[in-house]
Protein backbone atom coordinates (compact mmCIF):
# COMPACT_ATOMS: atom_id res chain seq x y z
CA MET A 1 24.30 73.81 -133.86
CA LYS A 2 27.09 71.56 -132.66
CA PRO A 3 27.66 71.29 -128.92
CA ARG A 4 30.97 72.78 -127.83
CA ARG A 5 33.50 70.60 -126.32
CA LYS A 6 34.78 71.50 -122.85
CA LYS A 7 38.41 72.45 -122.79
CA GLN A 8 40.56 70.06 -120.80
CA LEU A 9 42.08 71.71 -117.73
CA THR A 10 45.83 71.75 -117.35
CA PHE A 11 47.23 70.74 -113.99
CA VAL A 12 48.24 74.35 -113.29
CA GLU A 13 44.65 75.51 -114.08
CA LEU A 14 43.31 72.79 -111.80
CA VAL A 15 45.50 73.85 -108.94
CA GLU A 16 44.67 77.55 -109.43
CA SER A 17 40.94 76.77 -109.51
CA ILE A 18 41.18 74.88 -106.25
CA ARG A 19 43.31 77.64 -104.68
CA VAL A 20 40.82 80.38 -105.71
CA THR A 21 37.85 78.40 -104.43
CA HIS A 22 39.58 77.61 -101.12
CA ASN A 23 40.49 81.30 -100.63
CA LEU A 24 37.01 82.51 -101.40
CA PHE A 25 35.28 80.16 -99.00
CA SER A 26 37.98 80.68 -96.32
CA VAL A 27 37.23 84.45 -96.33
CA GLN A 28 33.47 83.80 -96.05
CA ALA A 29 34.10 81.39 -93.19
CA VAL A 30 36.25 83.91 -91.27
CA ARG A 31 33.62 86.53 -91.68
CA ALA A 32 30.90 84.26 -90.35
CA VAL A 33 33.01 83.24 -87.37
CA ASN A 34 33.86 86.96 -86.65
CA ILE A 35 30.12 87.82 -86.65
CA SER A 36 29.33 84.88 -84.36
CA LEU A 37 32.11 85.67 -81.94
CA THR A 38 31.05 89.37 -81.76
CA LEU A 39 27.43 88.34 -81.11
CA ARG A 40 28.65 85.83 -78.46
CA ASN A 41 30.67 88.46 -76.63
CA TRP A 42 27.84 90.98 -76.80
CA ILE A 43 25.44 88.50 -75.33
CA ILE A 44 27.84 87.39 -72.54
CA GLY A 45 28.42 91.12 -71.66
CA PHE A 46 24.68 91.57 -71.50
CA PHE A 47 24.37 88.60 -69.15
CA ILE A 48 27.14 89.92 -66.84
CA ARG A 49 25.56 93.40 -66.77
CA GLU A 50 22.13 91.90 -65.85
CA TYR A 51 23.82 89.84 -63.11
CA GLU A 52 25.82 92.79 -61.74
CA GLN A 53 22.96 95.21 -61.81
CA ASN A 54 20.48 92.74 -60.38
CA VAL A 55 18.03 93.39 -63.25
CA LYS A 56 17.94 97.11 -62.55
CA ASP A 57 18.29 99.69 -65.26
CA ARG A 58 21.26 101.35 -63.59
CA ALA A 59 23.74 100.34 -60.98
CA GLU A 60 23.52 101.99 -57.59
CA TYR A 61 25.99 104.75 -56.90
CA GLY A 62 29.27 103.40 -55.61
CA THR A 63 28.62 99.75 -56.39
C-alpha cells in the first residue's frame, strides 16, 4: 500500500483554517472567563455577607 500524499493547502484554505481555529478557541476562552468571573463575584458576595452579618446566620432585624 502506497502512502498517500498530503494535499497542499491553498492560501485561502490556510487563512480559513486559522480563522476557524481562532474562533473555536476564542469561544472557549470567553466561556472560561465567564465562569471565573461568576465564581469570583459569588465569592466576593459571600465575603461581604459574612462581614455584614458578623458571621451570624441571619442579620438582626432593622440592621
